[in-house]
C-alpha atoms as a PDB file:
ATOM      1  CA  UNK A   1      -0.063  -0.130  -0.124  1.00  0.00           C
ATOM      2  CA  UNK A   2       3.032   2.325   0.264  1.00  0.00           C
ATOM      3  CA  UNK A   3       1.925   3.583   3.628  1.00  0.00           C
ATOM      4  CA  UNK A   4       4.112   5.784   5.921  1.00  0.00           C
ATOM      5  CA  UNK A   5       4.004   4.534   9.401  1.00  0.00           C
ATOM      6  CA  UNK A   6       6.327   5.888  12.104  1.00  0.00           C
ATOM      7  CA  UNK A   7       6.355   5.235  15.830  1.00  0.00           C
ATOM      8  CA  UNK A   8       7.899   7.661  18.213  1.00  0.00           C
ATOM      9  CA  UNK A   9       8.662   5.680  21.519  1.00  0.00           C
ATOM     10  CA  UNK A  10      11.060   4.974  24.303  1.00  0.00           C
ATOM     11  CA  UNK A  11      12.774   1.898  24.984  1.00  0.00           C
ATOM     12  CA  UNK A  12      11.559   1.514  28.467  1.00  0.00           C
ATOM     13  CA  UNK A  13       8.224   3.214  28.140  1.00  0.00           C
ATOM     14  CA  UNK A  14       5.438   0.560  28.823  1.00  0.00           C
ATOM     15  CA  UNK A  15       3.108   3.053  27.207  1.00  0.00           C
ATOM     16  CA  UNK A  16       5.016   2.983  23.756  1.00  0.00           C
ATOM     17  CA  UNK A  17       5.850  -0.638  24.161  1.00  0.00           C
ATOM     18  CA  UNK A  18       2.046  -1.217  24.046  1.00  0.00           C
ATOM     19  CA  UNK A  19       1.929   0.226  20.338  1.00  0.00           C
ATOM     20  CA  UNK A  20       4.957  -2.031  19.400  1.00  0.00           C
ATOM     21  CA  UNK A  21       3.247  -5.186  20.528  1.00  0.00           C
ATOM     22  CA  UNK A  22      -0.058  -4.074  18.844  1.00  0.00           C
ATOM     23  CA  UNK A  23       1.512  -3.578  15.623  1.00  0.00           C
ATOM     24  CA  UNK A  24       3.459  -6.910  15.780  1.00  0.00           C
ATOM     25  CA  UNK A  25       0.376  -8.480  16.431  1.00  0.00           C
ATOM     26  CA  UNK A  26      -1.223  -6.966  13.376  1.00  0.00           C
ATOM     27  CA  UNK A  27       1.690  -7.858  11.336  1.00  0.00           C
ATOM     28  CA  UNK A  28       2.085  -4.160  10.301  1.00  0.00           C
ATOM     29  CA  UNK A  29       5.522  -2.940   9.203  1.00  0.00           C
ATOM     30  CA  UNK A  30       6.541   0.566  10.845  1.00  0.00           C
ATOM     31  CA  UNK A  31       9.725   2.654  11.451  1.00  0.00           C
ATOM     32  CA  UNK A  32      10.587   2.985  15.028  1.00  0.00           C
ATOM     33  CA  UNK A  33      12.200   6.213  15.927  1.00  0.00           C
ATOM     34  CA  UNK A  34      13.687   6.366  19.868  1.00  0.00           C
ATOM     35  CA  UNK A  35      13.086   9.521  21.874  1.00  0.00           C
ATOM     36  CA  UNK A  36      15.423  10.713  24.874  1.00  0.00           C
ATOM     37  CA  UNK A  37      12.204  11.493  26.886  1.00  0.00           C
ATOM     38  CA  UNK A  38      14.113  12.779  29.972  1.00  0.00           C
ATOM     39  CA  UNK A  39      16.824  14.935  28.477  1.00  0.00           C
ATOM     40  CA  UNK A  40      16.549  15.885  24.640  1.00  0.00           C
ATOM     41  CA  UNK A  41      12.862  15.324  23.082  1.00  0.00           C
ATOM     42  CA  UNK A  42      12.956  15.756  19.475  1.00  0.00           C
ATOM     43  CA  UNK A  43      11.554  18.679  17.343  1.00  0.00           C
ATOM     44  CA  UNK A  44       9.470  16.203  15.506  1.00  0.00           C
ATOM     45  CA  UNK A  45       8.040  14.542  18.679  1.00  0.00           C
ATOM     46  CA  UNK A  46       7.209  18.222  19.839  1.00  0.00           C
ATOM     47  CA  UNK A  47       5.766  19.080  16.536  1.00  0.00           C
ATOM     48  CA  UNK A  48       3.349  15.819  16.292  1.00  0.00           C
ATOM     49  CA  UNK A  49       2.537  15.911  20.169  1.00  0.00           C
ATOM     50  CA  UNK A  50       2.397  19.542  21.028  1.00  0.00           C
ATOM     51  CA  UNK A  51      -0.064  19.019  23.764  1.00  0.00           C
ATOM     52  CA  UNK A  52       1.381  16.425  25.920  1.00  0.00           C
ATOM     53  CA  UNK A  53       4.865  16.434  24.604  1.00  0.00           C
ATOM     54  CA  UNK A  54       5.417  12.751  25.416  1.00  0.00           C
ATOM     55  CA  UNK A  55       5.555   9.150  23.361  1.00  0.00           C
ATOM     56  CA  UNK A  56       4.070   7.399  22.162  1.00  0.00           C
ATOM     57  CA  UNK A  57       3.141   9.139  18.950  1.00  0.00           C
ATOM     58  CA  UNK A  58       2.060   7.186  15.973  1.00  0.00           C
ATOM     59  CA  UNK A  59       2.292   8.972  12.538  1.00  0.00           C
ATOM     60  CA  UNK A  60       0.145   7.398   9.574  1.00  0.00           C
ATOM     61  CA  UNK A  61       0.621   9.055   6.469  1.00  0.00           C
ATOM     62  CA  UNK A  62       1.694  12.259   7.999  1.00  0.00           C
ATOM     63  CA  UNK A  63      -0.964  12.315  10.304  1.00  0.00           C
ATOM     64  CA  UNK A  64      -0.099  11.866  14.283  1.00  0.00           C
ATOM     65  CA  UNK A  65      -1.974  10.264  16.800  1.00  0.00           C
ATOM     66  CA  UNK A  66      -1.368  10.536  20.722  1.00  0.00           C
ATOM     67  CA  UNK A  67      -2.158   8.694  23.770  1.00  0.00           C
ATOM     68  CA  UNK A  68      -1.439   4.765  23.961  1.00  0.00           C
ATOM     69  CA  UNK A  69      -5.041   3.712  24.354  1.00  0.00           C
ATOM     70  CA  UNK A  70      -6.290   6.137  21.468  1.00  0.00           C
ATOM     71  CA  UNK A  71      -3.596   4.730  19.292  1.00  0.00           C
ATOM     72  CA  UNK A  72      -4.160   1.232  20.000  1.00  0.00           C
ATOM     73  CA  UNK A  73      -7.959   1.580  18.914  1.00  0.00           C
ATOM     74  CA  UNK A  74      -6.896   3.380  15.675  1.00  0.00           C
ATOM     75  CA  UNK A  75      -4.623   0.492  15.077  1.00  0.00           C
ATOM     76  CA  UNK A  76      -7.645  -1.991  15.551  1.00  0.00           C
ATOM     77  CA  UNK A  77      -9.838  -0.055  13.387  1.00  0.00           C
ATOM     78  CA  UNK A  78      -7.174   0.630  10.478  1.00  0.00           C
ATOM     79  CA  UNK A  79      -6.036  -2.830  10.144  1.00  0.00           C
ATOM     80  CA  UNK A  80      -8.593  -5.753  10.683  1.00  0.00           C
ATOM     81  CA  UNK A  81      -6.494  -8.898  10.755  1.00  0.00           C
ATOM     82  CA  UNK A  82      -6.015 -10.237  14.482  1.00  0.00           C
ATOM     83  CA  UNK A  83      -8.351  -7.932  16.231  1.00  0.00           C
ATOM     84  CA  UNK A  84      -7.207  -6.802  19.651  1.00  0.00           C
ATOM     85  CA  UNK A  85     -10.558  -5.699  20.641  1.00  0.00           C
ATOM     86  CA  UNK A  86     -13.694  -7.496  20.810  1.00  0.00           C
ATOM     87  CA  UNK A  87     -16.308  -7.283  18.189  1.00  0.00           C
ATOM     88  CA  UNK A  88     -19.202  -7.491  20.355  1.00  0.00           C
ATOM     89  CA  UNK A  89     -20.295  -3.901  21.430  1.00  0.00           C
ATOM     90  CA  UNK A  90     -20.816  -4.829  25.177  1.00  0.00           C
ATOM     91  CA  UNK A  91     -17.577  -6.759  25.425  1.00  0.00           C
ATOM     92  CA  UNK A  92     -15.563  -3.979  23.526  1.00  0.00           C
ATOM     93  CA  UNK A  93     -17.008  -1.617  26.180  1.00  0.00           C
ATOM     94  CA  UNK A  94     -16.039  -3.878  28.966  1.00  0.00           C
ATOM     95  CA  UNK A  95     -12.602  -4.072  27.554  1.00  0.00           C
ATOM     96  CA  UNK A  96     -12.390  -0.027  27.537  1.00  0.00           C
ATOM     97  CA  UNK A  97     -13.846  -0.170  30.893  1.00  0.00           C
ATOM     98  CA  UNK A  98     -11.013  -2.392  32.350  1.00  0.00           C
ATOM     99  CA  UNK A  99      -8.366  -0.512  30.415  1.00  0.00           C
ATOM    100  CA  UNK A 100      -9.434   2.910  31.819  1.00  0.00           C
ATOM    101  CA  UNK A 101      -9.394   1.422  35.245  1.00  0.00           C
ATOM    102  CA  UNK A 102      -5.748   0.180  34.793  1.00  0.00           C
ATOM    103  CA  UNK A 103      -4.442   3.477  33.460  1.00  0.00           C
ATOM    104  CA  UNK A 104      -6.442   5.725  35.654  1.00  0.00           C
ATOM    105  CA  UNK A 105      -6.542   3.651  39.000  1.00  0.00           C
ATOM    106  CA  UNK A 106      -3.680   0.878  38.830  1.00  0.00           C
ATOM    107  CA  UNK A 107      -0.882   2.469  37.407  1.00  0.00           C
ATOM    108  CA  UNK A 108      -0.800   5.763  39.152  1.00  0.00           C
ATOM    109  CA  UNK A 109      -1.607   4.074  42.570  1.00  0.00           C
ATOM    110  CA  UNK A 110       1.312   1.405  41.886  1.00  0.00           C
ATOM    111  CA  UNK A 111       3.883   4.001  40.992  1.00  0.00           C
ATOM    112  CA  UNK A 112       3.083   5.817  44.069  1.00  0.00           C
ATOM    113  CA  UNK A 113       3.579   2.618  46.195  1.00  0.00           C
ATOM    114  CA  UNK A 114       7.187   2.477  44.805  1.00  0.00           C
ATOM    115  CA  UNK A 115       8.117   6.204  44.607  1.00  0.00           C
ATOM    116  CA  UNK A 116       6.868   7.331  47.729  1.00  0.00           C
ATOM    117  CA  UNK A 117       7.929   7.259  51.199  1.00  0.00           C
ATOM    118  CA  UNK A 118       6.639   6.609  54.896  1.00  0.00           C
ATOM    119  CA  UNK A 119       2.928   6.639  55.706  1.00  0.00           C
ATOM    120  CA  UNK A 120       2.126   7.812  52.042  1.00  0.00           C
ATOM    121  CA  UNK A 121       3.973   4.615  50.706  1.00  0.00           C
ATOM    122  CA  UNK A 122       1.973   2.460  53.099  1.00  0.00           C
ATOM    123  CA  UNK A 123      -1.103   3.973  52.179  1.00  0.00           C
ATOM    124  CA  UNK A 124      -0.551   3.393  48.363  1.00  0.00           C
ATOM    125  CA  UNK A 125       0.527   0.093  48.991  1.00  0.00           C
ATOM    126  CA  UNK A 126      -2.630  -0.851  50.448  1.00  0.00           C
ATOM    127  CA  UNK A 127      -4.708   0.796  47.697  1.00  0.00           C
ATOM    128  CA  UNK A 128      -2.591  -1.070  45.025  1.00  0.00           C
ATOM    129  CA  UNK A 129      -3.312  -4.311  46.724  1.00  0.00           C
ATOM    130  CA  UNK A 130      -6.954  -3.517  46.702  1.00  0.00           C
ATOM    131  CA  UNK A 131      -6.975  -2.755  42.868  1.00  0.00           C
ATOM    132  CA  UNK A 132      -4.884  -5.773  41.880  1.00  0.00           C
ATOM    133  CA  UNK A 133      -7.289  -7.631  43.972  1.00  0.00           C
ATOM    134  CA  UNK A 134     -10.176  -6.035  41.868  1.00  0.00           C
ATOM    135  CA  UNK A 135      -8.106  -7.075  38.524  1.00  0.00           C
ATOM    136  CA  UNK A 136      -7.663 -10.725  39.936  1.00  0.00           C
ATOM    137  CA  UNK A 137     -11.464 -11.182  40.046  1.00  0.00           C
ATOM    138  CA  UNK A 138     -11.905 -10.164  36.819  1.00  0.00           C
ATOM    139  CA  UNK A 139      -9.416 -12.694  35.563  1.00  0.00           C
ATOM    140  CA  UNK A 140     -10.991 -15.444  36.981  1.00  0.00           C
ATOM    141  CA  UNK A 141     -11.467 -18.610  34.893  1.00  0.00           C
ATOM    142  CA  UNK A 142      -9.832 -16.987  31.936  1.00  0.00           C
ATOM    143  CA  UNK A 143      -6.188 -17.433  30.499  1.00  0.00           C
ATOM    144  CA  UNK A 144      -6.224 -13.688  29.299  1.00  0.00           C
ATOM    145  CA  UNK A 145      -8.590 -10.787  30.065  1.00  0.00           C
ATOM    146  CA  UNK A 146     -10.044 -11.097  26.656  1.00  0.00           C
ATOM    147  CA  UNK A 147     -10.327 -14.821  27.121  1.00  0.00           C
ATOM    148  CA  UNK A 148      -7.869 -17.370  25.279  1.00  0.00           C
ATOM    149  CA  UNK A 149      -5.984 -14.883  23.321  1.00  0.00           C
ATOM    150  CA  UNK A 150      -4.102 -11.684  24.058  1.00  0.00           C
ATOM    151  CA  UNK A 151      -6.288  -8.718  23.491  1.00  0.00           C
ATOM    152  CA  UNK A 152      -6.729  -4.888  24.393  1.00  0.00           C
ATOM    153  CA  UNK A 153      -6.714  -5.010  28.086  1.00  0.00           C
ATOM    154  CA  UNK A 154      -3.699  -7.316  28.263  1.00  0.00           C
ATOM    155  CA  UNK A 155      -1.829  -4.937  26.248  1.00  0.00           C
ATOM    156  CA  UNK A 156      -2.611  -2.379  28.430  1.00  0.00           C
ATOM    157  CA  UNK A 157      -1.882  -4.228  31.529  1.00  0.00           C
ATOM    158  CA  UNK A 158       1.722  -5.027  30.175  1.00  0.00           C
ATOM    159  CA  UNK A 159       3.221  -2.626  32.693  1.00  0.00           C
ATOM    160  CA  UNK A 160       1.640  -4.712  35.589  1.00  0.00           C
ATOM    161  CA  UNK A 161       3.069  -7.814  33.881  1.00  0.00           C
ATOM    162  CA  UNK A 162       6.450  -6.898  32.984  1.00  0.00           C
ATOM    163  CA  UNK A 163       7.547  -3.451  34.811  1.00  0.00           C
ATOM    164  CA  UNK A 164       6.140  -4.133  38.071  1.00  0.00           C
ATOM    165  CA  UNK A 165       8.503  -6.976  39.029  1.00  0.00           C
ATOM    166  CA  UNK A 166      11.630  -5.233  38.401  1.00  0.00           C
ATOM    167  CA  UNK A 167      10.488  -2.048  39.805  1.00  0.00           C
ATOM    168  CA  UNK A 168       9.158  -3.421  43.059  1.00  0.00           C
ATOM    169  CA  UNK A 169      12.453  -5.156  43.407  1.00  0.00           C
ATOM    170  CA  UNK A 170      14.298  -1.794  42.917  1.00  0.00           C
ATOM    171  CA  UNK A 171      12.050  -0.025  45.580  1.00  0.00           C
ATOM    172  CA  UNK A 172      12.235  -3.094  48.259  1.00  0.00           C
ATOM    173  CA  UNK A 173       8.492  -3.304  47.891  1.00  0.00           C
ATOM    174  CA  UNK A 174       6.236  -6.443  47.325  1.00  0.00           C
ATOM    175  CA  UNK A 175       3.186  -5.422  45.466  1.00  0.00           C
ATOM    176  CA  UNK A 176       2.291  -8.228  42.853  1.00  0.00           C
ATOM    177  CA  UNK A 177       3.547 -11.792  44.091  1.00  0.00           C
ATOM    178  CA  UNK A 178       2.216 -15.312  43.444  1.00  0.00           C
ATOM    179  CA  UNK A 179       1.098 -15.868  47.074  1.00  0.00           C
ATOM    180  CA  UNK A 180      -1.157 -12.671  47.035  1.00  0.00           C
ATOM    181  CA  UNK A 181      -2.414 -12.859  43.319  1.00  0.00           C
ATOM    182  CA  UNK A 182      -1.782 -16.156  42.049  1.00  0.00           C
ATOM    183  CA  UNK A 183      -4.183 -15.678  39.148  1.00  0.00           C
ATOM    184  CA  UNK A 184      -2.659 -12.240  38.124  1.00  0.00           C
ATOM    185  CA  UNK A 185       0.654 -13.866  38.641  1.00  0.00           C
ATOM    186  CA  UNK A 186      -0.099 -16.378  36.422  1.00  0.00           C
ATOM    187  CA  UNK A 187      -1.516 -14.306  33.869  1.00  0.00           C
ATOM    188  CA  UNK A 188       1.780 -12.146  33.821  1.00  0.00           C
ATOM    189  CA  UNK A 189       3.894 -15.307  33.379  1.00  0.00           C
ATOM    190  CA  UNK A 190       1.753 -16.430  30.459  1.00  0.00           C
ATOM    191  CA  UNK A 191       1.393 -12.892  28.644  1.00  0.00           C
ATOM    192  CA  UNK A 192       5.257 -12.450  28.872  1.00  0.00           C
ATOM    193  CA  UNK A 193       5.931 -15.698  27.422  1.00  0.00           C
ATOM    194  CA  UNK A 194       3.714 -15.546  24.293  1.00  0.00           C
ATOM    195  CA  UNK A 195       6.317 -15.418  21.344  1.00  0.00           C
ATOM    196  CA  UNK A 196       4.990 -11.937  20.027  1.00  0.00           C
ATOM    197  CA  UNK A 197       5.043 -10.350  23.326  1.00  0.00           C
ATOM    198  CA  UNK A 198       8.423 -11.693  24.609  1.00  0.00           C
ATOM    199  CA  UNK A 199      10.188 -10.247  21.561  1.00  0.00           C
ATOM    200  CA  UNK A 200       8.707  -6.838  22.146  1.00  0.00           C
ATOM    201  CA  UNK A 201       9.561  -6.261  25.887  1.00  0.00           C
ATOM    202  CA  UNK A 202      12.564  -4.654  27.171  1.00  0.00           C
ATOM    203  CA  UNK A 203      15.127  -6.645  28.949  1.00  0.00           C
ATOM    204  CA  UNK A 204      14.299  -7.116  32.682  1.00  0.00           C
ATOM    205  CA  UNK A 205      17.742  -6.268  34.021  1.00  0.00           C
ATOM    206  CA  UNK A 206      17.943  -3.101  31.992  1.00  0.00           C
ATOM    207  CA  UNK A 207      14.620  -1.992  33.455  1.00  0.00           C
ATOM    208  CA  UNK A 208      16.092  -2.923  37.120  1.00  0.00           C
ATOM    209  CA  UNK A 209      19.178  -0.968  36.600  1.00  0.00           C
ATOM    210  CA  UNK A 210      17.259   2.096  35.356  1.00  0.00           C
ATOM    211  CA  UNK A 211      14.875   2.229  38.214  1.00  0.00           C
ATOM    212  CA  UNK A 212      17.635   1.664  40.821  1.00  0.00           C
ATOM    213  CA  UNK A 213      19.288   4.728  39.690  1.00  0.00           C
ATOM    214  CA  UNK A 214      16.376   6.644  39.615  1.00  0.00           C
ATOM    215  CA  UNK A 215      15.351   5.462  43.028  1.00  0.00           C
ATOM    216  CA  UNK A 216      18.944   6.167  44.308  1.00  0.00           C
ATOM    217  CA  UNK A 217      18.545   9.775  42.939  1.00  0.00           C
ATOM    218  CA  UNK A 218      15.251  10.453  44.185  1.00  0.00           C
ATOM    219  CA  UNK A 219      16.541   9.127  47.882  1.00  0.00           C
ATOM    220  CA  UNK A 220      19.652  11.456  47.384  1.00  0.00           C
ATOM    221  CA  UNK A 221      17.280  14.346  46.611  1.00  0.00           C
ATOM    222  CA  UNK A 222      15.158  13.917  49.311  1.00  0.00           C
ATOM    223  CA  UNK A 223      17.809  13.605  51.990  1.00  0.00           C
ATOM    224  CA  UNK A 224      19.613  16.702  50.613  1.00  0.00           C
ATOM    225  CA  UNK A 225      16.428  18.663  51.243  1.00  0.00           C
ATOM    226  CA  UNK A 226      16.003  17.373  54.827  1.00  0.00           C
END
């Protein structure tokens, strides 16, 4: 078709990795452009996403689309093979509901349980466990959130499956463990070991090293302020 398809992303971003996974599932070829999101965002990224100024951004035939869930839906509607959202309207609505729950509730609370300290961390940890318990209930009797195959909610939840482990190790906090959440833990392992997923996730040790350095920097900064 001679289409132009570019993805602006960052190696360690769970949000841009969502888009890589979806494009690989669809079998769509694209050009990947790595962004230095902490120190030197490119002029093209700022041009294509002037509102949020962050990754991911998908550029399809010179038309930019931002925000990972919006991009995922665009991909599913543009390339029909290997659908990631259910075709049934109710199931589709429920997938959107759980994806929204993950991004608006789970992700920020889990981050807070890693990055905060003292009573604030304890409260965030309790809240994170409650939210993961809700997700655990949604998985009951299913291999993946969408059933027998990886779908929209699984892709959105990739942060929980692949990033939470090394980040909680770096922070010295246990949020997701097999003892606490056996079904969610099993899902995470199944998801990560799907060939198309496994090939498109960043190395665990690289995530661990990155967040250890970030947390040490935050701790040092906090001590200097006290």
